[in-house]
C-alpha cells in the first residue's frame, strides 16, 4: 500500500516547488509553461554545479564527488517500508543521476539503497528489507530533478492522535500581525500552495504571541512549520510557559516579556535593554564609523515566564519539531520568534489536565 508522506526539509529546490514530490498524483506535463526561473517542472530540481569550486587565482577547478543534495520525507503514520518508487518523469536531460536512500526511526538511520542510477524521464521501483520508519532521507548524487517519491509498505497502528493545545487557546497578545495572524498559523496544515500564516512586517526585533487556556495543560512538543516561506522565515524561536502560581499575578494582554541582553564590546559583557527596538534603532542611526557588531541573547532574570525549549534555529520551508521540557503544567504559553518574518504552522502538542 502507498504510504502518506510529506516533505519535511530539502537542501535546495531553486527551480520548483519540491513539495510536489510527495503528492499521490502523477507528475504533470508542464511543457510550454514558464516561470521567471525558466521552464516549469513538477517536483524537485536543484541549482547546478554545487560539486564544483572554481579557483581563479590558480586557474583550476575542484570537483567533490561527495557533494550531494537531500530531501527528507516524513511519514504521516509510522510504517514498515519495503519499497520506494522514484520517478524522473518529464526530466528528460536534467534528472538527478543517482540516489541513496535511508529509512529513519527516531534518530536511527538505516541505508536501504546504497546508490542507484536514475534514468531520464523514467520510473524505478526499489525494493528493500522491510524496515520500520517515520522518515525517509533521499540523498541525491549530486544535482538535478526528481518528480515524485512514493513509499510503500504497511502502516502501523497509530497511537492516540496528538492534541494541538493551541486550537482551544485564547490569543491574548500579539506583537505584530501585519501579513497574517497567529490564528492563521494554528490552523496551517499545508492545504495551500502559496505562503500563508502569521507574518510580521520587516524592521522589527522580536515578535510574540501569548496563549491562554481555561484549564491547565502540559505541553510535550512544539511544531513550527515554515512551509513555503523560502525567503522570509524568522531566524529562531522559543517557547515559554507561565508557572501556575504566577497566573493570577501576570497580565497576559500586556505581558512582561523576557528582556533581551546585548553586547557591543566583548570587554563590557552583556547588559539588559528595556526596549530592544529602540536600542537597535539608535544603533542603526549612528554614523558608519561608530557602528559595531551587536551580540544578543534572551535574558532570564526579570520575567515570570519559564523557557520550555531552547532557542530553536528556523530554516526556510521546513517542518521543525522540538520536544519541550517535560512535566511543566501551565495555563499560559508565550511563543517568541526573532527578529521578524513568517511561519505557516504553529502547533503545541500535549495533554489537558
C-alpha atoms as a PDB file:
ATOM      1  CA  UNK A   1       0.000   0.000   0.000  1.00  0.00           C
ATOM      2  CA  UNK A   2       1.175   3.534  -0.787  1.00  0.00           C
ATOM      3  CA  UNK A   3       2.018   5.432   2.398  1.00  0.00           C
ATOM      4  CA  UNK A   4       1.068   9.065   3.004  1.00  0.00           C
ATOM      5  CA  UNK A   5       4.123  11.308   3.250  1.00  0.00           C
ATOM      6  CA  UNK A   6       5.010  14.986   3.380  1.00  0.00           C
ATOM      7  CA  UNK A   7       8.240  16.882   2.753  1.00  0.00           C
ATOM      8  CA  UNK A   8       9.977  17.855   5.999  1.00  0.00           C
ATOM      9  CA  UNK A   9      13.029  19.574   4.514  1.00  0.00           C
ATOM     10  CA  UNK A  10      15.279  19.777   1.465  1.00  0.00           C
ATOM     11  CA  UNK A  11      18.709  21.167   0.708  1.00  0.00           C
ATOM     12  CA  UNK A  12      17.746  23.135  -2.398  1.00  0.00           C
ATOM     13  CA  UNK A  13      14.996  23.358  -4.971  1.00  0.00           C
ATOM     14  CA  UNK A  14      15.726  26.611  -6.708  1.00  0.00           C
ATOM     15  CA  UNK A  15      13.592  25.946  -9.784  1.00  0.00           C
ATOM     16  CA  UNK A  16      10.481  24.209  -8.438  1.00  0.00           C
ATOM     17  CA  UNK A  17       8.022  23.588  -5.608  1.00  0.00           C
ATOM     18  CA  UNK A  18       9.604  20.452  -4.086  1.00  0.00           C
ATOM     19  CA  UNK A  19       6.532  19.569  -2.002  1.00  0.00           C
ATOM     20  CA  UNK A  20       5.066  18.095  -5.182  1.00  0.00           C
ATOM     21  CA  UNK A  21       7.411  15.085  -4.903  1.00  0.00           C
ATOM     22  CA  UNK A  22       5.269  13.708  -2.053  1.00  0.00           C
ATOM     23  CA  UNK A  23       1.880  14.154  -3.734  1.00  0.00           C
ATOM     24  CA  UNK A  24      -0.001  10.994  -4.761  1.00  0.00           C
ATOM     25  CA  UNK A  25      -0.961  12.146  -8.263  1.00  0.00           C
ATOM     26  CA  UNK A  26       1.086  11.582 -11.390  1.00  0.00           C
ATOM     27  CA  UNK A  27       3.545  14.377 -12.254  1.00  0.00           C
ATOM     28  CA  UNK A  28       2.038  16.938 -14.616  1.00  0.00           C
ATOM     29  CA  UNK A  29       3.390  17.601 -18.079  1.00  0.00           C
ATOM     30  CA  UNK A  30       4.163  21.313 -17.930  1.00  0.00           C
ATOM     31  CA  UNK A  31       5.717  21.615 -21.361  1.00  0.00           C
ATOM     32  CA  UNK A  32       5.277  25.166 -22.603  1.00  0.00           C
ATOM     33  CA  UNK A  33       4.742  26.587 -19.098  1.00  0.00           C
ATOM     34  CA  UNK A  34       7.324  29.009 -17.764  1.00  0.00           C
ATOM     35  CA  UNK A  35       8.167  30.966 -14.623  1.00  0.00           C
ATOM     36  CA  UNK A  36      10.803  33.654 -14.062  1.00  0.00           C
ATOM     37  CA  UNK A  37      13.167  30.709 -13.410  1.00  0.00           C
ATOM     38  CA  UNK A  38      12.597  29.191 -16.858  1.00  0.00           C
ATOM     39  CA  UNK A  39      10.720  26.065 -17.929  1.00  0.00           C
ATOM     40  CA  UNK A  40       8.365  24.837 -15.218  1.00  0.00           C
ATOM     41  CA  UNK A  41       8.763  21.289 -13.892  1.00  0.00           C
ATOM     42  CA  UNK A  42       6.812  19.196 -11.414  1.00  0.00           C
ATOM     43  CA  UNK A  43       8.738  18.182  -8.294  1.00  0.00           C
ATOM     44  CA  UNK A  44      12.245  18.852  -7.054  1.00  0.00           C
ATOM     45  CA  UNK A  45      15.072  20.439  -9.033  1.00  0.00           C
ATOM     46  CA  UNK A  46      18.307  21.879  -7.679  1.00  0.00           C
ATOM     47  CA  UNK A  47      20.613  24.553  -8.960  1.00  0.00           C
ATOM     48  CA  UNK A  48      23.700  23.430 -10.891  1.00  0.00           C
ATOM     49  CA  UNK A  49      27.409  22.960 -10.155  1.00  0.00           C
ATOM     50  CA  UNK A  50      27.350  22.555  -6.352  1.00  0.00           C
ATOM     51  CA  UNK A  51      30.058  19.889  -6.632  1.00  0.00           C
ATOM     52  CA  UNK A  52      32.435  22.289  -8.383  1.00  0.00           C
ATOM     53  CA  UNK A  53      34.687  25.007  -6.972  1.00  0.00           C
ATOM     54  CA  UNK A  54      36.493  27.472  -9.212  1.00  0.00           C
ATOM     55  CA  UNK A  55      39.897  28.785  -8.088  1.00  0.00           C
ATOM     56  CA  UNK A  56      40.533  31.812 -10.336  1.00  0.00           C
ATOM     57  CA  UNK A  57      43.979  32.580  -8.905  1.00  0.00           C
ATOM     58  CA  UNK A  58      45.384  29.171  -9.827  1.00  0.00           C
ATOM     59  CA  UNK A  59      43.148  28.762 -12.882  1.00  0.00           C
ATOM     60  CA  UNK A  60      41.957  25.377 -11.633  1.00  0.00           C
ATOM     61  CA  UNK A  61      38.688  23.733 -10.698  1.00  0.00           C
ATOM     62  CA  UNK A  62      37.941  21.191  -7.964  1.00  0.00           C
ATOM     63  CA  UNK A  63      35.230  18.552  -8.206  1.00  0.00           C
ATOM     64  CA  UNK A  64      33.931  16.964  -4.981  1.00  0.00           C
ATOM     65  CA  UNK A  65      32.338  13.541  -5.595  1.00  0.00           C
ATOM     66  CA  UNK A  66      30.880  13.593  -2.058  1.00  0.00           C
ATOM     67  CA  UNK A  67      28.780  16.702  -2.729  1.00  0.00           C
ATOM     68  CA  UNK A  68      25.083  15.921  -2.584  1.00  0.00           C
ATOM     69  CA  UNK A  69      21.588  17.282  -2.096  1.00  0.00           C
ATOM     70  CA  UNK A  70      18.910  15.702   0.039  1.00  0.00           C
ATOM     71  CA  UNK A  71      15.191  15.518   0.684  1.00  0.00           C
ATOM     72  CA  UNK A  72      13.690  14.333   3.975  1.00  0.00           C
ATOM     73  CA  UNK A  73      10.137  12.995   3.839  1.00  0.00           C
ATOM     74  CA  UNK A  74       8.001  12.359   6.892  1.00  0.00           C
ATOM     75  CA  UNK A  75       5.511   9.508   7.089  1.00  0.00           C
ATOM     76  CA  UNK A  76       2.162  10.744   8.359  1.00  0.00           C
ATOM     77  CA  UNK A  77       1.856   7.391  10.134  1.00  0.00           C
ATOM     78  CA  UNK A  78       4.740   5.201  11.291  1.00  0.00           C
ATOM     79  CA  UNK A  79       5.104   2.207   8.964  1.00  0.00           C
ATOM     80  CA  UNK A  80       7.065  -0.830   7.842  1.00  0.00           C
ATOM     81  CA  UNK A  81       8.525   0.270   4.494  1.00  0.00           C
ATOM     82  CA  UNK A  82       9.547  -2.307   1.886  1.00  0.00           C
ATOM     83  CA  UNK A  83       9.509  -0.350  -1.392  1.00  0.00           C
ATOM     84  CA  UNK A  84      10.413   3.112  -2.669  1.00  0.00           C
ATOM     85  CA  UNK A  85       9.382   4.274  -6.146  1.00  0.00           C
ATOM     86  CA  UNK A  86      11.205   7.230  -7.705  1.00  0.00           C
ATOM     87  CA  UNK A  87      10.122   8.993 -10.878  1.00  0.00           C
ATOM     88  CA  UNK A  88      12.086  11.395 -13.070  1.00  0.00           C
ATOM     89  CA  UNK A  89       9.065  11.846 -15.351  1.00  0.00           C
ATOM     90  CA  UNK A  90       9.450  14.878 -17.661  1.00  0.00           C
ATOM     91  CA  UNK A  91      13.079  15.426 -16.588  1.00  0.00           C
ATOM     92  CA  UNK A  92      14.487  14.394 -19.964  1.00  0.00           C
ATOM     93  CA  UNK A  93      18.025  15.713 -19.532  1.00  0.00           C
ATOM     94  CA  UNK A  94      18.232  17.209 -16.076  1.00  0.00           C
ATOM     95  CA  UNK A  95      17.347  14.364 -13.732  1.00  0.00           C
ATOM     96  CA  UNK A  96      19.325  13.510 -10.590  1.00  0.00           C
ATOM     97  CA  UNK A  97      21.945  10.980 -11.818  1.00  0.00           C
ATOM     98  CA  UNK A  98      21.821   8.689  -8.765  1.00  0.00           C
ATOM     99  CA  UNK A  99      20.310   8.387  -5.282  1.00  0.00           C
ATOM    100  CA  UNK A 100      20.959   6.693  -1.959  1.00  0.00           C
ATOM    101  CA  UNK A 101      18.078   6.170   0.472  1.00  0.00           C
ATOM    102  CA  UNK A 102      17.919   5.986   4.265  1.00  0.00           C
ATOM    103  CA  UNK A 103      14.920   4.997   6.365  1.00  0.00           C
ATOM    104  CA  UNK A 104      14.834   6.652   9.782  1.00  0.00           C
ATOM    105  CA  UNK A 105      13.135   5.692  13.039  1.00  0.00           C
ATOM    106  CA  UNK A 106      13.656   8.319  15.731  1.00  0.00           C
ATOM    107  CA  UNK A 107      17.350   9.195  15.478  1.00  0.00           C
ATOM    108  CA  UNK A 108      18.416   5.856  13.950  1.00  0.00           C
ATOM    109  CA  UNK A 109      19.018   5.787  10.178  1.00  0.00           C
ATOM    110  CA  UNK A 110      19.406   2.643   8.063  1.00  0.00           C
ATOM    111  CA  UNK A 111      20.718   2.767   4.489  1.00  0.00           C
ATOM    112  CA  UNK A 112      18.347   0.642   2.406  1.00  0.00           C
ATOM    113  CA  UNK A 113      19.567   1.750  -1.048  1.00  0.00           C
ATOM    114  CA  UNK A 114      23.316   2.383  -1.206  1.00  0.00           C
ATOM    115  CA  UNK A 115      23.446   4.031  -4.628  1.00  0.00           C
ATOM    116  CA  UNK A 116      21.150   3.600  -7.608  1.00  0.00           C
ATOM    117  CA  UNK A 117      21.374   5.229 -11.013  1.00  0.00           C
ATOM    118  CA  UNK A 118      18.338   7.157 -12.279  1.00  0.00           C
ATOM    119  CA  UNK A 119      17.463   7.358 -15.958  1.00  0.00           C
ATOM    120  CA  UNK A 120      15.873  10.392 -17.613  1.00  0.00           C
ATOM    121  CA  UNK A 121      12.067  10.537 -17.838  1.00  0.00           C
ATOM    122  CA  UNK A 122      11.678   7.146 -16.162  1.00  0.00           C
ATOM    123  CA  UNK A 123      10.332   5.367 -13.104  1.00  0.00           C
ATOM    124  CA  UNK A 124      12.201   2.899 -10.924  1.00  0.00           C
ATOM    125  CA  UNK A 125      10.981   0.582  -8.162  1.00  0.00           C
ATOM    126  CA  UNK A 126      13.492  -0.023  -5.374  1.00  0.00           C
ATOM    127  CA  UNK A 127      12.642  -2.859  -3.001  1.00  0.00           C
ATOM    128  CA  UNK A 128      14.289  -3.137   0.391  1.00  0.00           C
ATOM    129  CA  UNK A 129      14.273  -5.207   3.545  1.00  0.00           C
ATOM    130  CA  UNK A 130      11.087  -4.317   5.486  1.00  0.00           C
ATOM    131  CA  UNK A 131      12.151  -1.508   7.818  1.00  0.00           C
ATOM    132  CA  UNK A 132      10.209   0.417  10.438  1.00  0.00           C
ATOM    133  CA  UNK A 133      10.412   4.147   9.801  1.00  0.00           C
ATOM    134  CA  UNK A 134       8.868   7.527  10.449  1.00  0.00           C
ATOM    135  CA  UNK A 135      11.114   9.395   7.988  1.00  0.00           C
ATOM    136  CA  UNK A 136      12.919   8.795   4.703  1.00  0.00           C
ATOM    137  CA  UNK A 137      16.040  10.620   3.525  1.00  0.00           C
ATOM    138  CA  UNK A 138      16.833  10.626  -0.198  1.00  0.00           C
ATOM    139  CA  UNK A 139      20.431  11.631  -0.954  1.00  0.00           C
ATOM    140  CA  UNK A 140      20.914  12.996  -4.469  1.00  0.00           C
ATOM    141  CA  UNK A 141      24.276  12.469  -6.184  1.00  0.00           C
ATOM    142  CA  UNK A 142      24.767  15.264  -6.987  1.00  0.00           C
ATOM    143  CA  UNK A 143      22.176  17.591  -8.533  1.00  0.00           C
ATOM    144  CA  UNK A 144      19.159  17.663 -10.853  1.00  0.00           C
ATOM    145  CA  UNK A 145      15.470  16.838 -10.713  1.00  0.00           C
ATOM    146  CA  UNK A 146      13.093  14.222  -9.288  1.00  0.00           C
ATOM    147  CA  UNK A 147       9.382  14.420  -9.997  1.00  0.00           C
ATOM    148  CA  UNK A 148       7.996  12.062  -7.341  1.00  0.00           C
ATOM    149  CA  UNK A 149       8.963   9.776  -4.459  1.00  0.00           C
ATOM    150  CA  UNK A 150       6.488   7.184  -3.191  1.00  0.00           C
ATOM    151  CA  UNK A 151       6.909   4.878  -0.201  1.00  0.00           C
ATOM    152  CA  UNK A 152       5.084   1.557   0.093  1.00  0.00           C
ATOM    153  CA  UNK A 153       4.546  -0.843   2.960  1.00  0.00           C
ATOM    154  CA  UNK A 154       2.271  -1.393   5.935  1.00  0.00           C
ATOM    155  CA  UNK A 155       1.184   1.431   8.213  1.00  0.00           C
ATOM    156  CA  UNK A 156       1.470   0.620  11.900  1.00  0.00           C
ATOM    157  CA  UNK A 157      -1.423   1.134  14.276  1.00  0.00           C
ATOM    158  CA  UNK A 158      -1.381   4.744  15.364  1.00  0.00           C
ATOM    159  CA  UNK A 159      -1.209   5.614  18.968  1.00  0.00           C
ATOM    160  CA  UNK A 160      -3.737   8.238  20.062  1.00  0.00           C
ATOM    161  CA  UNK A 161      -3.596  11.300  17.831  1.00  0.00           C
ATOM    162  CA  UNK A 162      -1.780  14.213  19.490  1.00  0.00           C
ATOM    163  CA  UNK A 163      -3.838  17.200  20.615  1.00  0.00           C
ATOM    164  CA  UNK A 164      -2.871  20.639  19.313  1.00  0.00           C
ATOM    165  CA  UNK A 165      -3.432  22.562  22.524  1.00  0.00           C
ATOM    166  CA  UNK A 166      -3.398  25.917  20.730  1.00  0.00           C
ATOM    167  CA  UNK A 167      -6.677  25.126  18.969  1.00  0.00           C
ATOM    168  CA  UNK A 168      -8.531  25.681  22.256  1.00  0.00           C
ATOM    169  CA  UNK A 169      -6.450  28.637  23.468  1.00  0.00           C
ATOM    170  CA  UNK A 170      -7.412  32.297  23.583  1.00  0.00           C
ATOM    171  CA  UNK A 171      -4.839  34.586  21.955  1.00  0.00           C
ATOM    172  CA  UNK A 172      -4.311  37.399  24.460  1.00  0.00           C
ATOM    173  CA  UNK A 173      -1.442  39.385  22.962  1.00  0.00           C
ATOM    174  CA  UNK A 174       0.177  39.649  19.524  1.00  0.00           C
ATOM    175  CA  UNK A 175       3.093  41.961  18.820  1.00  0.00           C
ATOM    176  CA  UNK A 176       2.676  42.235  15.046  1.00  0.00           C
ATOM    177  CA  UNK A 177       0.298  40.620  12.566  1.00  0.00           C
ATOM    178  CA  UNK A 178       0.917  42.771   9.512  1.00  0.00           C
ATOM    179  CA  UNK A 179       0.541  40.000   6.905  1.00  0.00           C
ATOM    180  CA  UNK A 180      -1.292  37.346   8.904  1.00  0.00           C
ATOM    181  CA  UNK A 181      -2.331  36.430  12.444  1.00  0.00           C
ATOM    182  CA  UNK A 182      -1.155  33.655  14.806  1.00  0.00           C
ATOM    183  CA  UNK A 183      -4.639  32.166  14.413  1.00  0.00           C
ATOM    184  CA  UNK A 184      -3.761  31.513  10.758  1.00  0.00           C
ATOM    185  CA  UNK A 185      -0.668  29.563  11.829  1.00  0.00           C
ATOM    186  CA  UNK A 186      -2.603  27.460  14.345  1.00  0.00           C
ATOM    187  CA  UNK A 187      -4.763  26.095  11.516  1.00  0.00           C
ATOM    188  CA  UNK A 188      -1.904  25.925   8.972  1.00  0.00           C
ATOM    189  CA  UNK A 189      -1.755  22.352   7.640  1.00  0.00           C
ATOM    190  CA  UNK A 190      -0.276  22.814   4.146  1.00  0.00           C
ATOM    191  CA  UNK A 191      -3.582  22.904   2.287  1.00  0.00           C
ATOM    192  CA  UNK A 192      -2.441  25.779   0.051  1.00  0.00           C
ATOM    193  CA  UNK A 193       0.407  26.042  -2.443  1.00  0.00           C
ATOM    194  CA  UNK A 194       1.460  29.565  -1.503  1.00  0.00           C
ATOM    195  CA  UNK A 195       2.729  31.390   1.589  1.00  0.00           C
ATOM    196  CA  UNK A 196       0.057  31.753   4.243  1.00  0.00           C
ATOM    197  CA  UNK A 197       0.192  32.031   8.019  1.00  0.00           C
ATOM    198  CA  UNK A 198       1.424  34.505  10.622  1.00  0.00           C
ATOM    199  CA  UNK A 199       3.847  37.040   9.202  1.00  0.00           C
ATOM    200  CA  UNK A 200       5.115  40.275  10.703  1.00  0.00           C
ATOM    201  CA  UNK A 201       6.320  43.411   8.980  1.00  0.00           C
ATOM    202  CA  UNK A 202      10.017  43.895   8.323  1.00  0.00           C
ATOM    203  CA  UNK A 203      12.157  46.016  10.597  1.00  0.00           C
ATOM    204  CA  UNK A 204      11.056  44.716  13.992  1.00  0.00           C
ATOM    205  CA  UNK A 205      13.300  42.981  16.515  1.00  0.00           C
ATOM    206  CA  UNK A 206      11.333  40.168  18.111  1.00  0.00           C
ATOM    207  CA  UNK A 207       7.682  39.128  17.817  1.00  0.00           C
ATOM    208  CA  UNK A 208       5.462  37.294  20.282  1.00  0.00           C
ATOM    209  CA  UNK A 209       2.048  35.769  20.869  1.00  0.00           C
ATOM    210  CA  UNK A 210       0.518  34.830  24.236  1.00  0.00           C
ATOM    211  CA  UNK A 211      -1.952  31.936  24.528  1.00  0.00           C
ATOM    212  CA  UNK A 212      -4.291  31.370  27.497  1.00  0.00           C
ATOM    213  CA  UNK A 213      -6.081  28.139  28.427  1.00  0.00           C
ATOM    214  CA  UNK A 214      -9.199  27.773  30.563  1.00  0.00           C
ATOM    215  CA  UNK A 215      -7.812  24.578  32.081  1.00  0.00           C
ATOM    216  CA  UNK A 216      -4.200  23.571  32.835  1.00  0.00           C
ATOM    217  CA  UNK A 217      -2.231  21.894  30.040  1.00  0.00           C
ATOM    218  CA  UNK A 218       1.068  20.023  29.890  1.00  0.00           C
ATOM    219  CA  UNK A 219       2.981  20.696  26.638  1.00  0.00           C
ATOM    220  CA  UNK A 220       5.217  17.998  25.171  1.00  0.00           C
ATOM    221  CA  UNK A 221       6.094  19.032  21.596  1.00  0.00           C
ATOM    222  CA  UNK A 222       6.415  22.300  19.670  1.00  0.00           C
ATOM    223  CA  UNK A 223       5.954  22.303  15.885  1.00  0.00           C
ATOM    224  CA  UNK A 224       6.921  25.345  13.818  1.00  0.00           C
ATOM    225  CA  UNK A 225       6.340  24.904  10.089  1.00  0.00           C
ATOM    226  CA  UNK A 226       7.867  27.455   7.709  1.00  0.00           C
ATOM    227  CA  UNK A 227       6.190  25.751   4.714  1.00  0.00           C
ATOM    228  CA  UNK A 228       6.810  27.770   1.517  1.00  0.00           C
ATOM    229  CA  UNK A 229       8.338  30.638   3.494  1.00  0.00           C
ATOM    230  CA  UNK A 230      11.527  30.280   1.465  1.00  0.00           C
ATOM    231  CA  UNK A 231      12.961  33.767   1.880  1.00  0.00           C
ATOM    232  CA  UNK A 232      11.256  35.203   4.947  1.00  0.00           C
ATOM    233  CA  UNK A 233      11.169  32.805   7.911  1.00  0.00           C
ATOM    234  CA  UNK A 234      12.348  34.075  11.296  1.00  0.00           C
ATOM    235  CA  UNK A 235      15.887  33.159  12.283  1.00  0.00           C
ATOM    236  CA  UNK A 236      14.888  31.484  15.539  1.00  0.00           C
ATOM    237  CA  UNK A 237      12.103  30.947  18.056  1.00  0.00           C
ATOM    238  CA  UNK A 238      11.477  29.872  21.650  1.00  0.00           C
ATOM    239  CA  UNK A 239       8.510  28.688  23.718  1.00  0.00           C
ATOM    240  CA  UNK A 240       7.870  29.766  27.311  1.00  0.00           C
ATOM    241  CA  UNK A 241       5.294  28.686  29.893  1.00  0.00           C
ATOM    242  CA  UNK A 242       3.870  30.626  32.832  1.00  0.00           C
ATOM    243  CA  UNK A 243       4.065  28.700  36.121  1.00  0.00           C
ATOM    244  CA  UNK A 244       0.598  28.114  37.549  1.00  0.00           C
ATOM    245  CA  UNK A 245       1.372  30.103  40.690  1.00  0.00           C
ATOM    246  CA  UNK A 246       2.096  33.164  38.527  1.00  0.00           C
ATOM    247  CA  UNK A 247      -1.219  33.056  36.646  1.00  0.00           C
ATOM    248  CA  UNK A 248      -3.170  35.337  38.987  1.00  0.00           C
ATOM    249  CA  UNK A 249      -0.352  37.912  39.163  1.00  0.00           C
ATOM    250  CA  UNK A 250       0.583  38.241  35.485  1.00  0.00           C
ATOM    251  CA  UNK A 251      -1.108  40.271  32.757  1.00  0.00           C
ATOM    252  CA  UNK A 252      -1.483  38.249  29.573  1.00  0.00           C
ATOM    253  CA  UNK A 253      -2.754  41.130  27.447  1.00  0.00           C
ATOM    254  CA  UNK A 254       0.255  43.303  28.372  1.00  0.00           C
ATOM    255  CA  UNK A 255       2.811  40.641  29.287  1.00  0.00           C
ATOM    256  CA  UNK A 256       6.167  41.247  30.921  1.00  0.00           C
ATOM    257  CA  UNK A 257       8.359  39.647  28.283  1.00  0.00           C
ATOM    258  CA  UNK A 258      11.819  38.168  28.760  1.00  0.00           C
ATOM    259  CA  UNK A 259      14.283  41.002  28.272  1.00  0.00           C
ATOM    260  CA  UNK A 260      16.967  40.921  25.649  1.00  0.00           C
ATOM    261  CA  UNK A 261      20.577  41.394  26.656  1.00  0.00           C
ATOM    262  CA  UNK A 262      23.095  42.953  24.275  1.00  0.00           C
ATOM    263  CA  UNK A 263      26.836  43.304  23.993  1.00  0.00           C
ATOM    264  CA  UNK A 264      28.613  45.763  21.723  1.00  0.00           C
ATOM    265  CA  UNK A 265      32.003  45.105  23.282  1.00  0.00           C
ATOM    266  CA  UNK A 266      33.425  41.810  24.483  1.00  0.00           C
ATOM    267  CA  UNK A 267      35.096  43.669  27.327  1.00  0.00           C
ATOM    268  CA  UNK A 268      31.774  45.004  28.637  1.00  0.00           C
ATOM    269  CA  UNK A 269      29.809  41.731  28.513  1.00  0.00           C
ATOM    270  CA  UNK A 270      26.022  41.542  28.143  1.00  0.00           C
ATOM    271  CA  UNK A 271      23.661  44.161  29.539  1.00  0.00           C
ATOM    272  CA  UNK A 272      19.831  44.068  29.587  1.00  0.00           C
ATOM    273  CA  UNK A 273      17.917  46.597  27.480  1.00  0.00           C
ATOM    274  CA  UNK A 274      14.400  47.787  28.286  1.00  0.00           C
ATOM    275  CA  UNK A 275      13.326  48.155  24.653  1.00  0.00           C
ATOM    276  CA  UNK A 276      15.342  46.283  22.042  1.00  0.00           C
ATOM    277  CA  UNK A 277      13.681  48.019  19.083  1.00  0.00           C
ATOM    278  CA  UNK A 278      14.618  51.442  20.448  1.00  0.00           C
ATOM    279  CA  UNK A 279      18.149  50.277  21.195  1.00  0.00           C
ATOM    280  CA  UNK A 280      18.596  48.863  17.692  1.00  0.00           C
ATOM    281  CA  UNK A 281      17.126  51.981  16.075  1.00  0.00           C
ATOM    282  CA  UNK A 282      19.610  54.129  17.972  1.00  0.00           C
ATOM    283  CA  UNK A 283      22.494  51.878  16.952  1.00  0.00           C
ATOM    284  CA  UNK A 284      21.450  51.956  13.305  1.00  0.00           C
ATOM    285  CA  UNK A 285      21.229  55.758  13.402  1.00  0.00           C
ATOM    286  CA  UNK A 286      24.912  56.085  14.319  1.00  0.00           C
ATOM    287  CA  UNK A 287      27.466  57.087  11.731  1.00  0.00           C
ATOM    288  CA  UNK A 288      29.138  54.216   9.928  1.00  0.00           C
ATOM    289  CA  UNK A 289      32.406  54.907  11.739  1.00  0.00           C
ATOM    290  CA  UNK A 290      30.708  54.377  15.124  1.00  0.00           C
ATOM    291  CA  UNK A 291      28.766  51.226  14.250  1.00  0.00           C
ATOM    292  CA  UNK A 292      29.897  47.889  15.708  1.00  0.00           C
ATOM    293  CA  UNK A 293      28.650  44.310  15.628  1.00  0.00           C
ATOM    294  CA  UNK A 294      25.991  43.632  18.254  1.00  0.00           C
ATOM    295  CA  UNK A 295      25.519  40.332  20.093  1.00  0.00           C
ATOM    296  CA  UNK A 296      22.121  39.495  21.576  1.00  0.00           C
ATOM    297  CA  UNK A 297      20.667  36.859  23.867  1.00  0.00           C
ATOM    298  CA  UNK A 298      17.424  36.418  25.787  1.00  0.00           C
ATOM    299  CA  UNK A 299      17.806  37.220  29.482  1.00  0.00           C
ATOM    300  CA  UNK A 300      16.163  35.224  32.269  1.00  0.00           C
ATOM    301  CA  UNK A 301      16.078  37.336  35.410  1.00  0.00           C
ATOM    302  CA  UNK A 302      13.156  39.757  35.173  1.00  0.00           C
ATOM    303  CA  UNK A 303      10.439  37.680  33.502  1.00  0.00           C
ATOM    304  CA  UNK A 304       7.821  35.401  35.074  1.00  0.00           C
ATOM    305  CA  UNK A 305       7.983  33.138  32.006  1.00  0.00           C
ATOM    306  CA  UNK A 306       9.886  29.846  32.153  1.00  0.00           C
ATOM    307  CA  UNK A 307      11.571  28.624  28.926  1.00  0.00           C
ATOM    308  CA  UNK A 308      10.418  25.128  27.976  1.00  0.00           C
ATOM    309  CA  UNK A 309      12.538  24.911  24.815  1.00  0.00           C
ATOM    310  CA  UNK A 310      15.946  26.245  23.976  1.00  0.00           C
ATOM    311  CA  UNK A 311      16.459  28.811  21.250  1.00  0.00           C
ATOM    312  CA  UNK A 312      15.493  26.922  18.074  1.00  0.00           C
ATOM    313  CA  UNK A 313      17.029  27.836  14.729  1.00  0.00           C
ATOM    314  CA  UNK A 314      14.455  28.029  11.932  1.00  0.00           C
ATOM    315  CA  UNK A 315      15.182  27.077   8.318  1.00  0.00           C
ATOM    316  CA  UNK A 316      13.252  28.131   5.225  1.00  0.00           C
ATOM    317  CA  UNK A 317      10.363  25.931   4.087  1.00  0.00           C
ATOM    318  CA  UNK A 318      10.936  23.296   6.785  1.00  0.00           C
ATOM    319  CA  UNK A 319       8.846  21.331   9.294  1.00  0.00           C
ATOM    320  CA  UNK A 320      10.519  21.805  12.701  1.00  0.00           C
ATOM    321  CA  UNK A 321       9.598  19.574  15.639  1.00  0.00           C
ATOM    322  CA  UNK A 322      11.084  20.069  19.112  1.00  0.00           C
ATOM    323  CA  UNK A 323      10.373  18.301  22.396  1.00  0.00           C
ATOM    324  CA  UNK A 324       9.601  20.608  25.312  1.00  0.00           C
ATOM    325  CA  UNK A 325      10.839  20.250  28.864  1.00  0.00           C
ATOM    326  CA  UNK A 326       8.635  17.574  30.374  1.00  0.00           C
ATOM    327  CA  UNK A 327       6.234  17.807  33.243  1.00  0.00           C
ATOM    328  CA  UNK A 328       5.518  21.551  33.351  1.00  0.00           C
ATOM    329  CA  UNK A 329       1.803  22.310  33.713  1.00  0.00           C
ATOM    330  CA  UNK A 330       0.542  25.765  32.796  1.00  0.00           C
ATOM    331  CA  UNK A 331      -2.434  27.871  31.735  1.00  0.00           C
ATOM    332  CA  UNK A 332      -0.453  30.262  29.514  1.00  0.00           C
ATOM    333  CA  UNK A 333       2.203  29.947  26.811  1.00  0.00           C
ATOM    334  CA  UNK A 334       4.414  32.600  25.238  1.00  0.00           C
ATOM    335  CA  UNK A 335       5.800  31.968  21.755  1.00  0.00           C
ATOM    336  CA  UNK A 336       8.587  34.274  20.567  1.00  0.00           C
ATOM    337  CA  UNK A 337      10.288  34.467  17.182  1.00  0.00           C
ATOM    338  CA  UNK A 338      13.183  36.689  16.159  1.00  0.00           C
ATOM    339  CA  UNK A 339      13.758  39.071  14.553  1.00  0.00           C
ATOM    340  CA  UNK A 340      10.712  39.035  12.242  1.00  0.00           C
ATOM    341  CA  UNK A 341       9.279  37.014   9.363  1.00  0.00           C
ATOM    342  CA  UNK A 342       6.586  34.461   8.666  1.00  0.00           C
ATOM    343  CA  UNK A 343       5.535  30.947   9.673  1.00  0.00           C
ATOM    344  CA  UNK A 344       2.859  28.748   8.140  1.00  0.00           C
ATOM    345  CA  UNK A 345       2.100  26.384  11.015  1.00  0.00           C
ATOM    346  CA  UNK A 346       2.286  26.587  14.810  1.00  0.00           C
ATOM    347  CA  UNK A 347       1.334  23.627  16.999  1.00  0.00           C
ATOM    348  CA  UNK A 348       1.890  22.747  20.639  1.00  0.00           C
ATOM    349  CA  UNK A 349       1.052  19.122  21.323  1.00  0.00           C
ATOM    350  CA  UNK A 350       0.438  17.864  24.828  1.00  0.00           C
ATOM    351  CA  UNK A 351      -2.200  16.881  27.372  1.00  0.00           C
ATOM    352  CA  UNK A 352      -5.088  18.663  29.019  1.00  0.00           C
ATOM    353  CA  UNK A 353      -5.137  18.063  32.767  1.00  0.00           C
END
